[in-house]
Amino acid sequence: MAIVKKREGLVVSDKMAKTRCVEVTRQFRHPLYEKVMRRRKRYMAHDEGNESHTGDLVEMHETRPLSRNKRWKIVRIINKGA
């Protein structure tokens, strides 16, 4: 059984056709100073039906390369944005 990477993130751009820009935020504790830090990363994700829009919380899985920047596919919309 293959291990599939999963991420949850917020759609920050829906201006492209069948592509969404999804921002994933992670929290971790600094190894030396113990401060809780936040880091953001943006992923290009494939959305076949153009169903997600800006502000939606989505789940995405890693997939084969679909274009120069796209390696993720939106699987489901967890929460619709405002």
N, C-alpha and C. Protein backbone atom coordinates (compact mmCIF):
# COMPACT_ATOMS: atom_id res chain seq x y z
N MET A 1 0.84 -1.18 0.00
CA MET A 1 0.00 0.00 0.00
C MET A 1 0.88 1.25 0.00
N ALA A 2 0.61 2.16 -0.90
CA ALA A 2 1.41 3.38 -1.01
C ALA A 2 0.97 4.40 0.03
N ILE A 3 1.93 5.11 0.58
CA ILE A 3 1.65 6.17 1.54
C ILE A 3 1.41 7.46 0.77
N VAL A 4 0.27 8.08 1.05
CA VAL A 4 -0.10 9.30 0.35
C VAL A 4 0.02 10.47 1.32
N LYS A 5 0.74 11.52 0.90
CA LYS A 5 0.84 12.70 1.73
C LYS A 5 -0.46 13.48 1.65
N LYS A 6 -0.94 13.98 2.79
CA LYS A 6 -2.17 14.75 2.85
C LYS A 6 -1.87 16.09 3.50
N ARG A 7 -2.55 17.12 3.06
CA ARG A 7 -2.43 18.44 3.66
C ARG A 7 -3.82 19.08 3.71
N GLU A 8 -4.03 19.91 4.73
CA GLU A 8 -5.22 20.74 4.81
C GLU A 8 -4.77 22.18 4.70
N GLY A 9 -5.51 22.97 3.93
CA GLY A 9 -5.12 24.35 3.76
C GLY A 9 -6.26 25.22 3.29
N LEU A 10 -5.98 26.50 3.21
CA LEU A 10 -6.96 27.50 2.84
C LEU A 10 -6.69 27.95 1.41
N VAL A 11 -7.74 27.98 0.60
CA VAL A 11 -7.60 28.45 -0.78
C VAL A 11 -7.43 29.96 -0.75
N VAL A 12 -6.32 30.44 -1.31
CA VAL A 12 -6.04 31.87 -1.31
C VAL A 12 -6.19 32.50 -2.69
N SER A 13 -6.25 31.66 -3.73
CA SER A 13 -6.44 32.18 -5.08
C SER A 13 -7.18 31.16 -5.93
N ASP A 14 -8.21 31.64 -6.64
CA ASP A 14 -8.95 30.77 -7.57
C ASP A 14 -9.05 31.41 -8.95
N LYS A 15 -8.04 32.18 -9.32
CA LYS A 15 -8.07 32.93 -10.57
C LYS A 15 -7.69 32.09 -11.78
N MET A 16 -7.08 30.92 -11.56
CA MET A 16 -6.66 30.08 -12.68
C MET A 16 -7.72 29.02 -12.97
N ALA A 17 -7.74 28.54 -14.18
CA ALA A 17 -8.68 27.49 -14.57
C ALA A 17 -8.17 26.14 -14.07
N LYS A 18 -8.99 25.43 -13.29
CA LYS A 18 -8.70 24.09 -12.76
C LYS A 18 -7.48 24.05 -11.84
N THR A 19 -7.04 25.20 -11.35
CA THR A 19 -5.90 25.27 -10.44
C THR A 19 -6.22 26.21 -9.30
N ARG A 20 -5.85 25.81 -8.10
CA ARG A 20 -6.05 26.65 -6.92
C ARG A 20 -4.72 26.80 -6.20
N CYS A 21 -4.51 27.96 -5.60
CA CYS A 21 -3.36 28.20 -4.75
C CYS A 21 -3.82 27.99 -3.32
N VAL A 22 -3.23 27.00 -2.64
CA VAL A 22 -3.65 26.62 -1.30
C VAL A 22 -2.51 26.91 -0.33
N GLU A 23 -2.84 27.64 0.75
CA GLU A 23 -1.85 27.98 1.75
C GLU A 23 -1.99 27.05 2.95
N VAL A 24 -0.89 26.38 3.30
CA VAL A 24 -0.87 25.45 4.42
C VAL A 24 -0.02 26.06 5.52
N THR A 25 -0.59 26.15 6.73
CA THR A 25 0.11 26.71 7.89
C THR A 25 0.43 25.59 8.86
N ARG A 26 1.67 25.56 9.34
CA ARG A 26 2.05 24.57 10.34
C ARG A 26 2.64 25.29 11.54
N GLN A 27 2.46 24.70 12.72
CA GLN A 27 3.00 25.24 13.95
C GLN A 27 4.02 24.27 14.52
N PHE A 28 5.09 24.81 15.06
CA PHE A 28 6.08 23.97 15.70
C PHE A 28 6.79 24.79 16.77
N ARG A 29 7.42 24.08 17.68
CA ARG A 29 8.15 24.73 18.76
C ARG A 29 9.62 24.84 18.37
N HIS A 30 10.19 26.02 18.55
CA HIS A 30 11.59 26.24 18.22
C HIS A 30 12.46 25.32 19.08
N PRO A 31 13.43 24.63 18.47
CA PRO A 31 14.21 23.64 19.22
C PRO A 31 15.03 24.23 20.38
N LEU A 32 15.50 25.46 20.24
CA LEU A 32 16.33 26.05 21.29
C LEU A 32 15.52 26.97 22.21
N TYR A 33 14.73 27.86 21.63
CA TYR A 33 14.07 28.90 22.41
C TYR A 33 12.66 28.53 22.87
N GLU A 34 12.14 27.39 22.41
CA GLU A 34 10.84 26.88 22.84
C GLU A 34 9.65 27.76 22.47
N LYS A 35 9.87 28.75 21.63
CA LYS A 35 8.76 29.61 21.20
C LYS A 35 7.96 28.89 20.13
N VAL A 36 6.62 29.03 20.19
CA VAL A 36 5.78 28.43 19.16
C VAL A 36 5.85 29.32 17.92
N MET A 37 6.20 28.70 16.80
CA MET A 37 6.38 29.45 15.56
C MET A 37 5.39 28.95 14.52
N ARG A 38 5.04 29.82 13.59
CA ARG A 38 4.16 29.46 12.48
C ARG A 38 4.92 29.64 11.17
N ARG A 39 4.72 28.70 10.28
CA ARG A 39 5.30 28.79 8.94
C ARG A 39 4.21 28.51 7.93
N ARG A 40 4.22 29.26 6.82
CA ARG A 40 3.23 29.09 5.76
C ARG A 40 3.92 28.64 4.49
N LYS A 41 3.21 27.83 3.73
CA LYS A 41 3.70 27.43 2.41
C LYS A 41 2.52 27.36 1.47
N ARG A 42 2.74 27.77 0.25
CA ARG A 42 1.67 27.76 -0.75
C ARG A 42 1.93 26.66 -1.77
N TYR A 43 0.88 25.92 -2.06
CA TYR A 43 0.93 24.83 -3.03
C TYR A 43 -0.05 25.11 -4.15
N MET A 44 0.32 24.74 -5.37
CA MET A 44 -0.62 24.75 -6.48
C MET A 44 -1.32 23.40 -6.49
N ALA A 45 -2.64 23.41 -6.51
CA ALA A 45 -3.41 22.17 -6.44
C ALA A 45 -4.41 22.12 -7.58
N HIS A 46 -4.62 20.90 -8.10
CA HIS A 46 -5.55 20.68 -9.21
C HIS A 46 -6.97 20.56 -8.68
N ASP A 47 -7.90 21.28 -9.32
CA ASP A 47 -9.32 21.23 -8.97
C ASP A 47 -10.10 21.05 -10.28
N GLU A 48 -10.39 19.80 -10.60
CA GLU A 48 -10.97 19.46 -11.91
C GLU A 48 -12.27 20.19 -12.20
N GLY A 49 -13.16 20.29 -11.22
CA GLY A 49 -14.48 20.88 -11.47
C GLY A 49 -14.60 22.34 -11.10
N ASN A 50 -13.50 23.00 -10.75
CA ASN A 50 -13.52 24.39 -10.30
C ASN A 50 -14.53 24.59 -9.18
N GLU A 51 -14.56 23.65 -8.22
CA GLU A 51 -15.57 23.68 -7.16
C GLU A 51 -15.15 24.52 -5.95
N SER A 52 -13.87 24.60 -5.68
CA SER A 52 -13.41 25.37 -4.51
C SER A 52 -13.18 26.82 -4.91
N HIS A 53 -13.33 27.69 -3.92
CA HIS A 53 -13.14 29.12 -4.15
C HIS A 53 -12.34 29.72 -3.00
N THR A 54 -11.95 30.98 -3.13
CA THR A 54 -11.14 31.64 -2.13
C THR A 54 -11.83 31.60 -0.77
N GLY A 55 -11.08 31.22 0.26
CA GLY A 55 -11.62 31.16 1.61
C GLY A 55 -12.04 29.77 2.04
N ASP A 56 -12.09 28.80 1.13
CA ASP A 56 -12.50 27.44 1.47
C ASP A 56 -11.35 26.69 2.13
N LEU A 57 -11.69 25.86 3.11
CA LEU A 57 -10.72 24.95 3.72
C LEU A 57 -10.81 23.63 2.97
N VAL A 58 -9.69 23.17 2.42
CA VAL A 58 -9.70 21.98 1.58
C VAL A 58 -8.69 20.95 2.05
N GLU A 59 -8.92 19.70 1.66
CA GLU A 59 -7.96 18.62 1.87
C GLU A 59 -7.39 18.25 0.52
N MET A 60 -6.07 18.06 0.46
CA MET A 60 -5.46 17.70 -0.81
C MET A 60 -4.47 16.57 -0.59
N HIS A 61 -4.26 15.78 -1.65
CA HIS A 61 -3.34 14.65 -1.63
C HIS A 61 -2.27 14.88 -2.67
N GLU A 62 -1.09 14.32 -2.41
CA GLU A 62 0.00 14.41 -3.36
C GLU A 62 -0.28 13.49 -4.55
N THR A 63 0.11 13.92 -5.73
CA THR A 63 -0.12 13.15 -6.95
C THR A 63 1.08 13.29 -7.87
N ARG A 64 1.01 12.64 -9.01
CA ARG A 64 2.10 12.77 -9.98
C ARG A 64 2.16 14.21 -10.49
N PRO A 65 3.28 14.64 -11.06
CA PRO A 65 3.36 16.00 -11.58
C PRO A 65 2.33 16.23 -12.69
N LEU A 66 1.50 17.24 -12.51
CA LEU A 66 0.46 17.58 -13.49
C LEU A 66 0.89 18.74 -14.37
N SER A 67 1.79 19.56 -13.89
CA SER A 67 2.35 20.66 -14.67
C SER A 67 3.67 21.05 -14.02
N ARG A 68 4.20 22.19 -14.40
CA ARG A 68 5.49 22.63 -13.85
C ARG A 68 5.45 22.78 -12.34
N ASN A 69 4.34 23.30 -11.80
CA ASN A 69 4.24 23.58 -10.37
C ASN A 69 3.24 22.70 -9.63
N LYS A 70 2.35 22.02 -10.33
CA LYS A 70 1.27 21.29 -9.67
C LYS A 70 1.66 19.85 -9.37
N ARG A 71 1.64 19.51 -8.05
CA ARG A 71 1.89 18.14 -7.61
C ARG A 71 0.85 17.70 -6.60
N TRP A 72 -0.22 18.45 -6.45
CA TRP A 72 -1.27 18.17 -5.47
C TRP A 72 -2.64 18.20 -6.14
N LYS A 73 -3.58 17.46 -5.58
CA LYS A 73 -4.94 17.41 -6.11
C LYS A 73 -5.92 17.61 -4.95
N ILE A 74 -6.89 18.51 -5.13
CA ILE A 74 -7.89 18.74 -4.09
C ILE A 74 -8.86 17.57 -4.09
N VAL A 75 -9.00 16.96 -2.90
CA VAL A 75 -9.83 15.76 -2.75
C VAL A 75 -11.23 16.13 -2.28
N ARG A 76 -11.31 17.03 -1.29
CA ARG A 76 -12.62 17.43 -0.79
C ARG A 76 -12.55 18.81 -0.16
N ILE A 77 -13.72 19.45 -0.10
CA ILE A 77 -13.85 20.75 0.54
C ILE A 77 -14.34 20.49 1.96
N ILE A 78 -13.56 20.84 2.95
CA ILE A 78 -13.92 20.59 4.34
C ILE A 78 -14.92 21.63 4.83
N ASN A 79 -14.66 22.90 4.52
CA ASN A 79 -15.51 23.97 4.99
C ASN A 79 -15.56 25.08 3.94
N LYS A 80 -16.77 25.49 3.56
CA LYS A 80 -16.91 26.57 2.58
C LYS A 80 -16.62 27.89 3.25
N GLY A 81 -15.89 28.76 2.56
CA GLY A 81 -15.56 30.08 3.08
C GLY A 81 -16.72 31.06 2.92
N ALA A 82 -16.54 32.23 3.45
CA ALA A 82 -17.60 33.25 3.42
C ALA A 82 -17.80 33.83 2.04
